[in-house]
Amino acid sequence: DEGRYCAATITHKATLGYIVECLNKFHD
Protein backbone atom coordinates (compact mmCIF):
# COMPACT_ATOMS: atom_id res chain seq x y z
CA ASP A 1 0.00 0.00 0.00
CA GLU A 2 2.84 2.43 0.73
CA GLY A 3 4.86 1.58 -2.38
CA ARG A 4 6.55 4.34 -4.34
CA TYR A 5 5.50 2.84 -7.67
CA CYS A 6 2.21 1.60 -9.09
CA ALA A 7 1.34 -1.69 -10.77
CA ALA A 8 -1.42 -3.56 -12.53
CA THR A 9 -2.24 -6.48 -10.27
CA ILE A 10 -2.89 -9.12 -12.94
CA THR A 11 0.02 -10.38 -15.03
CA HIS A 12 0.79 -13.80 -16.50
CA LYS A 13 4.02 -15.76 -16.91
CA ALA A 14 4.60 -18.35 -19.63
CA THR A 15 7.50 -19.74 -21.60
CA LEU A 16 7.96 -19.01 -25.28
CA GLY A 17 7.49 -22.72 -25.96
CA TYR A 18 4.13 -22.81 -24.20
CA ILE A 19 2.97 -19.62 -25.93
CA VAL A 20 3.72 -21.14 -29.34
CA GLU A 21 2.06 -24.43 -28.32
CA CYS A 22 -1.14 -22.53 -27.45
CA LEU A 23 -1.05 -20.49 -30.64
CA ASN A 24 -0.70 -23.61 -32.76
CA LYS A 25 -3.81 -25.08 -31.10
CA PHE A 26 -5.71 -21.88 -31.84
CA HIS A 27 -4.47 -21.98 -35.44
CA ASP A 28 -5.66 -25.57 -35.89
PDB file of all heavy atoms in Angstrom:
ATOM      1  N   ASP A   1       0.806  -1.220   0.000  1.00  0.00           N
ATOM      2  CA  ASP A   1       0.000   0.000   0.000  1.00  0.00           C
ATOM      3  C   ASP A   1       0.838   1.268   0.000  1.00  0.00           C
ATOM      4  O   ASP A   1       0.408   2.294  -0.540  1.00  0.00           O
ATOM      5  CB  ASP A   1      -0.940   0.004   1.207  1.00  0.00           C
ATOM      6  CG  ASP A   1      -2.015  -1.064   1.102  1.00  0.00           C
ATOM      7  OD1 ASP A   1      -2.256  -1.555  -0.025  1.00  0.00           O
ATOM      8  OD2 ASP A   1      -2.604  -1.422   2.149  1.00  0.00           O
ATOM      9  N   GLU A   2       2.018   1.225   0.612  1.00  0.00           N
ATOM     10  CA  GLU A   2       2.844   2.428   0.726  1.00  0.00           C
ATOM     11  C   GLU A   2       3.935   2.478  -0.340  1.00  0.00           C
ATOM     12  O   GLU A   2       4.865   3.278  -0.231  1.00  0.00           O
ATOM     13  CB  GLU A   2       3.485   2.474   2.119  1.00  0.00           C
ATOM     14  CG  GLU A   2       2.486   2.460   3.270  1.00  0.00           C
ATOM     15  CD  GLU A   2       1.493   3.614   3.181  1.00  0.00           C
ATOM     16  OE1 GLU A   2       1.921   4.735   2.825  1.00  0.00           O
ATOM     17  OE2 GLU A   2       0.297   3.383   3.457  1.00  0.00           O
ATOM     18  N   GLY A   3       3.837   1.637  -1.358  1.00  0.00           N
ATOM     19  CA  GLY A   3       4.864   1.579  -2.384  1.00  0.00           C
ATOM     20  C   GLY A   3       5.021   2.880  -3.153  1.00  0.00           C
ATOM     21  O   GLY A   3       4.064   3.624  -3.362  1.00  0.00           O
ATOM     22  N   ARG A   4       6.241   3.120  -3.590  1.00  0.00           N
ATOM     23  CA  ARG A   4       6.551   4.339  -4.344  1.00  0.00           C
ATOM     24  C   ARG A   4       6.015   4.262  -5.772  1.00  0.00           C
ATOM     25  O   ARG A   4       5.659   5.277  -6.367  1.00  0.00           O
ATOM     26  CB  ARG A   4       8.073   4.515  -4.356  1.00  0.00           C
ATOM     27  CG  ARG A   4       8.563   5.843  -4.879  1.00  0.00           C
ATOM     28  CD  ARG A   4      10.083   5.853  -4.907  1.00  0.00           C
ATOM     29  NE  ARG A   4      10.616   7.178  -5.214  1.00  0.00           N
ATOM     30  CZ  ARG A   4      11.801   7.403  -5.752  1.00  0.00           C
ATOM     31  NH1 ARG A   4      12.582   6.367  -6.056  1.00  0.00           N
ATOM     32  NH2 ARG A   4      12.220   8.628  -5.985  1.00  0.00           N
ATOM     33  N   TYR A   5       5.943   3.051  -6.293  1.00  0.00           N
ATOM     34  CA  TYR A   5       5.504   2.835  -7.668  1.00  0.00           C
ATOM     35  C   TYR A   5       4.072   2.321  -7.690  1.00  0.00           C
ATOM     36  O   TYR A   5       3.476   2.032  -6.652  1.00  0.00           O
ATOM     37  CB  TYR A   5       6.437   1.843  -8.364  1.00  0.00           C
ATOM     38  CG  TYR A   5       7.860   2.336  -8.483  1.00  0.00           C
ATOM     39  CD1 TYR A   5       8.802   2.032  -7.491  1.00  0.00           C
ATOM     40  CD2 TYR A   5       8.263   3.104  -9.559  1.00  0.00           C
ATOM     41  CE1 TYR A   5      10.108   2.487  -7.583  1.00  0.00           C
ATOM     42  CE2 TYR A   5       9.570   3.561  -9.664  1.00  0.00           C
ATOM     43  CZ  TYR A   5      10.486   3.256  -8.675  1.00  0.00           C
ATOM     44  OH  TYR A   5      11.772   3.704  -8.772  1.00  0.00           O
ATOM     45  N   CYS A   6       3.539   2.165  -8.902  1.00  0.00           N
ATOM     46  CA  CYS A   6       2.212   1.597  -9.088  1.00  0.00           C
ATOM     47  C   CYS A   6       2.316   0.383 -10.010  1.00  0.00           C
ATOM     48  O   CYS A   6       3.282   0.247 -10.764  1.00  0.00           O
ATOM     49  CB  CYS A   6       1.252   2.619  -9.684  1.00  0.00           C
ATOM     50  SG  CYS A   6       0.950   4.060  -8.627  1.00  0.00           S
ATOM     51  N   ALA A   7       1.298  -0.469  -9.959  1.00  0.00           N
ATOM     52  CA  ALA A   7       1.339  -1.687 -10.773  1.00  0.00           C
ATOM     53  C   ALA A   7      -0.065  -2.173 -11.075  1.00  0.00           C
ATOM     54  O   ALA A   7      -0.989  -2.003 -10.267  1.00  0.00           O
ATOM     55  CB  ALA A   7       2.111  -2.790 -10.055  1.00  0.00           C
ATOM     56  N   ALA A   8      -0.216  -2.777 -12.240  1.00  0.00           N
ATOM     57  CA  ALA A   8      -1.418  -3.557 -12.533  1.00  0.00           C
ATOM     58  C   ALA A   8      -1.280  -4.879 -11.792  1.00  0.00           C
ATOM     59  O   ALA A   8      -0.204  -5.478 -11.765  1.00  0.00           O
ATOM     60  CB  ALA A   8      -1.556  -3.784 -14.034  1.00  0.00           C
ATOM     61  N   THR A   9      -2.340  -5.331 -11.180  1.00  0.00           N
ATOM     62  CA  THR A   9      -2.238  -6.476 -10.268  1.00  0.00           C
ATOM     63  C   THR A   9      -2.288  -7.821 -10.981  1.00  0.00           C
ATOM     64  O   THR A   9      -1.933  -8.841 -10.386  1.00  0.00           O
ATOM     65  CB  THR A   9      -3.367  -6.432  -9.232  1.00  0.00           C
ATOM     66  OG1 THR A   9      -4.629  -6.427  -9.913  1.00  0.00           O
ATOM     67  CG2 THR A   9      -3.256  -5.172  -8.377  1.00  0.00           C
ATOM     68  N   ILE A  10      -2.733  -7.843 -12.235  1.00  0.00           N
ATOM     69  CA  ILE A  10      -2.892  -9.124 -12.941  1.00  0.00           C
ATOM     70  C   ILE A  10      -1.894  -9.216 -14.086  1.00  0.00           C
ATOM     71  O   ILE A  10      -1.997  -8.487 -15.079  1.00  0.00           O
ATOM     72  CB  ILE A  10      -4.321  -9.293 -13.493  1.00  0.00           C
ATOM     73  CG1 ILE A  10      -5.344  -9.213 -12.362  1.00  0.00           C
ATOM     74  CG2 ILE A  10      -4.448 -10.620 -14.235  1.00  0.00           C
ATOM     75  CD1 ILE A  10      -6.779  -9.219 -12.841  1.00  0.00           C
ATOM     76  N   THR A  11      -0.907 -10.074 -13.940  1.00  0.00           N
ATOM     77  CA  THR A  11       0.015 -10.385 -15.027  1.00  0.00           C
ATOM     78  C   THR A  11       0.098 -11.903 -15.158  1.00  0.00           C
ATOM     79  O   THR A  11      -0.375 -12.644 -14.286  1.00  0.00           O
ATOM     80  CB  THR A  11       1.424  -9.810 -14.793  1.00  0.00           C
ATOM     81  OG1 THR A  11       1.986 -10.407 -13.613  1.00  0.00           O
ATOM     82  CG2 THR A  11       1.379  -8.289 -14.635  1.00  0.00           C
ATOM     83  N   HIS A  12       0.688 -12.361 -16.246  1.00  0.00           N
ATOM     84  CA  HIS A  12       0.794 -13.797 -16.500  1.00  0.00           C
ATOM     85  C   HIS A  12       2.213 -14.129 -16.930  1.00  0.00           C
ATOM     86  O   HIS A  12       2.848 -13.346 -17.655  1.00  0.00           O
ATOM     87  CB  HIS A  12      -0.182 -14.226 -17.595  1.00  0.00           C
ATOM     88  CG  HIS A  12      -1.618 -13.954 -17.269  1.00  0.00           C
ATOM     89  ND1 HIS A  12      -2.428 -14.871 -16.644  1.00  0.00           N
ATOM     90  CD2 HIS A  12      -2.381 -12.848 -17.478  1.00  0.00           C
ATOM     91  CE1 HIS A  12      -3.634 -14.356 -16.481  1.00  0.00           C
ATOM     92  NE2 HIS A  12      -3.627 -13.131 -16.979  1.00  0.00           N
ATOM     93  N   LYS A  13       2.699 -15.296 -16.509  1.00  0.00           N
ATOM     94  CA  LYS A  13       4.021 -15.761 -16.909  1.00  0.00           C
ATOM     95  C   LYS A  13       3.877 -17.051 -17.709  1.00  0.00           C
ATOM     96  O   LYS A  13       3.110 -17.942 -17.337  1.00  0.00           O
ATOM     97  CB  LYS A  13       4.916 -15.986 -15.693  1.00  0.00           C
ATOM     98  CG  LYS A  13       5.290 -14.701 -14.962  1.00  0.00           C
ATOM     99  CD  LYS A  13       6.209 -14.986 -13.784  1.00  0.00           C
ATOM    100  CE  LYS A  13       6.605 -13.688 -13.075  1.00  0.00           C
ATOM    101  NZ  LYS A  13       7.508 -13.943 -11.927  1.00  0.00           N
ATOM    102  N   ALA A  14       4.620 -17.140 -18.797  1.00  0.00           N
ATOM    103  CA  ALA A  14       4.601 -18.345 -19.628  1.00  0.00           C
ATOM    104  C   ALA A  14       5.889 -18.397 -20.432  1.00  0.00           C
ATOM    105  O   ALA A  14       6.491 -17.362 -20.737  1.00  0.00           O
ATOM    106  CB  ALA A  14       3.395 -18.350 -20.563  1.00  0.00           C
ATOM    107  N   THR A  15       6.306 -19.599 -20.773  1.00  0.00           N
ATOM    108  CA  THR A  15       7.503 -19.739 -21.598  1.00  0.00           C
ATOM    109  C   THR A  15       7.154 -19.522 -23.061  1.00  0.00           C
ATOM    110  O   THR A  15       5.994 -19.680 -23.480  1.00  0.00           O
ATOM    111  CB  THR A  15       8.121 -21.138 -21.442  1.00  0.00           C
ATOM    112  OG1 THR A  15       7.189 -22.118 -21.941  1.00  0.00           O
ATOM    113  CG2 THR A  15       8.460 -21.428 -19.987  1.00  0.00           C
ATOM    114  N   LEU A  16       8.172 -19.183 -23.844  1.00  0.00           N
ATOM    115  CA  LEU A  16       7.963 -19.013 -25.277  1.00  0.00           C
ATOM    116  C   LEU A  16       7.431 -20.305 -25.896  1.00  0.00           C
ATOM    117  O   LEU A  16       6.565 -20.278 -26.778  1.00  0.00           O
ATOM    118  CB  LEU A  16       9.275 -18.616 -25.955  1.00  0.00           C
ATOM    119  CG  LEU A  16       9.859 -17.250 -25.590  1.00  0.00           C
ATOM    120  CD1 LEU A  16      11.173 -17.031 -26.333  1.00  0.00           C
ATOM    121  CD2 LEU A  16       8.882 -16.127 -25.912  1.00  0.00           C
ATOM    122  N   GLY A  17       7.944 -21.442 -25.431  1.00  0.00           N
ATOM    123  CA  GLY A  17       7.487 -22.720 -25.959  1.00  0.00           C
ATOM    124  C   GLY A  17       6.014 -22.947 -25.718  1.00  0.00           C
ATOM    125  O   GLY A  17       5.286 -23.409 -26.612  1.00  0.00           O
ATOM    126  N   TYR A  18       5.543 -22.611 -24.507  1.00  0.00           N
ATOM    127  CA  TYR A  18       4.128 -22.807 -24.199  1.00  0.00           C
ATOM    128  C   TYR A  18       3.260 -21.834 -24.983  1.00  0.00           C
ATOM    129  O   TYR A  18       2.167 -22.204 -25.448  1.00  0.00           O
ATOM    130  CB  TYR A  18       3.880 -22.632 -22.701  1.00  0.00           C
ATOM    131  CG  TYR A  18       2.438 -22.872 -22.320  1.00  0.00           C
ATOM    132  CD1 TYR A  18       1.901 -24.151 -22.396  1.00  0.00           C
ATOM    133  CD2 TYR A  18       1.620 -21.824 -21.915  1.00  0.00           C
ATOM    134  CE1 TYR A  18       0.569 -24.383 -22.068  1.00  0.00           C
ATOM    135  CE2 TYR A  18       0.294 -22.047 -21.583  1.00  0.00           C
ATOM    136  CZ  TYR A  18      -0.229 -23.329 -21.664  1.00  0.00           C
ATOM    137  OH  TYR A  18      -1.547 -23.552 -21.353  1.00  0.00           O
ATOM    138  N   ILE A  19       3.720 -20.609 -25.145  1.00  0.00           N
ATOM    139  CA  ILE A  19       2.972 -19.622 -25.929  1.00  0.00           C
ATOM    140  C   ILE A  19       2.758 -20.135 -27.347  1.00  0.00           C
ATOM    141  O   ILE A  19       1.637 -20.096 -27.880  1.00  0.00           O
ATOM    142  CB  ILE A  19       3.710 -18.268 -25.942  1.00  0.00           C
ATOM    143  CG1 ILE A  19       3.713 -17.650 -24.543  1.00  0.00           C
ATOM    144  CG2 ILE A  19       3.082 -17.309 -26.945  1.00  0.00           C
ATOM    145  CD1 ILE A  19       4.656 -16.473 -24.381  1.00  0.00           C
ATOM    146  N   VAL A  20       3.815 -20.638 -27.972  1.00  0.00           N
ATOM    147  CA  VAL A  20       3.715 -21.143 -29.342  1.00  0.00           C
ATOM    148  C   VAL A  20       2.824 -22.382 -29.393  1.00  0.00           C
ATOM    149  O   VAL A  20       2.029 -22.554 -30.331  1.00  0.00           O
ATOM    150  CB  VAL A  20       5.117 -21.445 -29.901  1.00  0.00           C
ATOM    151  CG1 VAL A  20       5.028 -22.165 -31.242  1.00  0.00           C
ATOM    152  CG2 VAL A  20       5.911 -20.143 -30.051  1.00  0.00           C
ATOM    153  N   GLU A  21       2.918 -23.241 -28.376  1.00  0.00           N
ATOM    154  CA  GLU A  21       2.056 -24.427 -28.320  1.00  0.00           C
ATOM    155  C   GLU A  21       0.579 -24.022 -28.309  1.00  0.00           C
ATOM    156  O   GLU A  21      -0.251 -24.598 -29.026  1.00  0.00           O
ATOM    157  CB  GLU A  21       2.388 -25.243 -27.066  1.00  0.00           C
ATOM    158  CG  GLU A  21       1.514 -26.472 -26.859  1.00  0.00           C
ATOM    159  CD  GLU A  21       1.797 -27.152 -25.531  1.00  0.00           C
ATOM    160  OE1 GLU A  21       2.949 -27.038 -25.029  1.00  0.00           O
ATOM    161  OE2 GLU A  21       0.888 -27.802 -24.988  1.00  0.00           O
ATOM    162  N   CYS A  22       0.248 -23.023 -27.497  1.00  0.00           N
ATOM    163  CA  CYS A  22      -1.138 -22.530 -27.448  1.00  0.00           C
ATOM    164  C   CYS A  22      -1.562 -21.949 -28.792  1.00  0.00           C
ATOM    165  O   CYS A  22      -2.664 -22.243 -29.291  1.00  0.00           O
ATOM    166  CB  CYS A  22      -1.278 -21.466 -26.358  1.00  0.00           C
ATOM    167  SG  CYS A  22      -1.172 -22.070 -24.672  1.00  0.00           S
ATOM    168  N   LEU A  23      -0.708 -21.141 -29.369  1.00  0.00           N
ATOM    169  CA  LEU A  23      -1.055 -20.489 -30.635  1.00  0.00           C
ATOM    170  C   LEU A  23      -1.271 -21.514 -31.746  1.00  0.00           C
ATOM    171  O   LEU A  23      -2.150 -21.333 -32.599  1.00  0.00           O
ATOM    172  CB  LEU A  23       0.031 -19.488 -31.028  1.00  0.00           C
ATOM    173  CG  LEU A  23       0.160 -18.266 -30.118  1.00  0.00           C
ATOM    174  CD1 LEU A  23       1.353 -17.410 -30.532  1.00  0.00           C
ATOM    175  CD2 LEU A  23      -1.111 -17.431 -30.128  1.00  0.00           C
ATOM    176  N   ASN A  24      -0.511 -22.577 -31.747  1.00  0.00           N
ATOM    177  CA  ASN A  24      -0.699 -23.613 -32.764  1.00  0.00           C
ATOM    178  C   ASN A  24      -2.049 -24.314 -32.588  1.00  0.00           C
ATOM    179  O   ASN A  24      -2.703 -24.673 -33.576  1.00  0.00           O
ATOM    180  CB  ASN A  24       0.443 -24.627 -32.718  1.00  0.00           C
ATOM    181  CG  ASN A  24       1.715 -24.090 -33.359  1.00  0.00           C
ATOM    182  OD1 ASN A  24       1.662 -23.304 -34.311  1.00  0.00           O
ATOM    183  ND2 ASN A  24       2.870 -24.496 -32.847  1.00  0.00           N
ATOM    184  N   LYS A  25      -2.485 -24.500 -31.351  1.00  0.00           N
ATOM    185  CA  LYS A  25      -3.813 -25.079 -31.102  1.00  0.00           C
ATOM    186  C   LYS A  25      -4.901 -24.136 -31.611  1.00  0.00           C
ATOM    187  O   LYS A  25      -5.889 -24.583 -32.217  1.00  0.00           O
ATOM    188  CB  LYS A  25      -4.009 -25.348 -29.608  1.00  0.00           C
ATOM    189  CG  LYS A  25      -3.196 -26.509 -29.067  1.00  0.00           C
ATOM    190  CD  LYS A  25      -3.457 -26.695 -27.582  1.00  0.00           C
ATOM    191  CE  LYS A  25      -2.624 -27.835 -27.008  1.00  0.00           C
ATOM    192  NZ  LYS A  25      -2.854 -28.003 -25.543  1.00  0.00           N
ATOM    193  N   PHE A  26      -4.728 -22.846 -31.358  1.00  0.00           N
ATOM    194  CA  PHE A  26      -5.714 -21.879 -31.844  1.00  0.00           C
ATOM    195  C   PHE A  26      -5.755 -21.896 -33.375  1.00  0.00           C
ATOM    196  O   PHE A  26      -6.833 -21.847 -33.982  1.00  0.00           O
ATOM    197  CB  PHE A  26      -5.378 -20.470 -31.354  1.00  0.00           C
ATOM    198  CG  PHE A  26      -5.218 -20.336 -29.861  1.00  0.00           C
ATOM    199  CD1 PHE A  26      -4.454 -19.302 -29.326  1.00  0.00           C
ATOM    200  CD2 PHE A  26      -5.823 -21.232 -28.983  1.00  0.00           C
ATOM    201  CE1 PHE A  26      -4.297 -19.162 -27.954  1.00  0.00           C
ATOM    202  CE2 PHE A  26      -5.672 -21.101 -27.602  1.00  0.00           C
ATOM    203  CZ  PHE A  26      -4.903 -20.066 -27.096  1.00  0.00           C
ATOM    204  N   HIS A  27      -4.576 -21.963 -33.976  1.00  0.00           N
ATOM    205  CA  HIS A  27      -4.474 -21.977 -35.435  1.00  0.00           C
ATOM    206  C   HIS A  27      -5.204 -23.184 -36.023  1.00  0.00           C
ATOM    207  O   HIS A  27      -5.863 -23.090 -37.070  1.00  0.00           O
ATOM    208  CB  HIS A  27      -2.994 -22.007 -35.836  1.00  0.00           C
ATOM    209  CG  HIS A  27      -2.748 -22.216 -37.294  1.00  0.00           C
ATOM    210  ND1 HIS A  27      -2.685 -23.472 -37.868  1.00  0.00           N
ATOM    211  CD2 HIS A  27      -2.551 -21.324 -38.311  1.00  0.00           C
ATOM    212  CE1 HIS A  27      -2.472 -23.358 -39.173  1.00  0.00           C
ATOM    213  NE2 HIS A  27      -2.377 -22.068 -39.454  1.00  0.00           N
ATOM    214  N   ASP A  28      -5.105 -24.334 -35.349  1.00  0.00           N
ATOM    215  CA  ASP A  28      -5.658 -25.572 -35.889  1.00  0.00           C
ATOM    216  C   ASP A  28      -7.130 -25.762 -35.566  1.00  0.00           C
ATOM    217  O   ASP A  28      -7.762 -26.705 -36.071  1.00  0.00           O
ATOM    218  CB  ASP A  28      -4.871 -26.771 -35.346  1.00  0.00           C
ATOM    219  CG  ASP A  28      -3.431 -26.789 -35.849  1.00  0.00           C
ATOM    220  OD1 ASP A  28      -3.134 -26.098 -36.841  1.00  0.00           O
ATOM    221  OD2 ASP A  28      -2.600 -27.491 -35.223  1.00  0.00           O
TER     222      ASP A  28
END
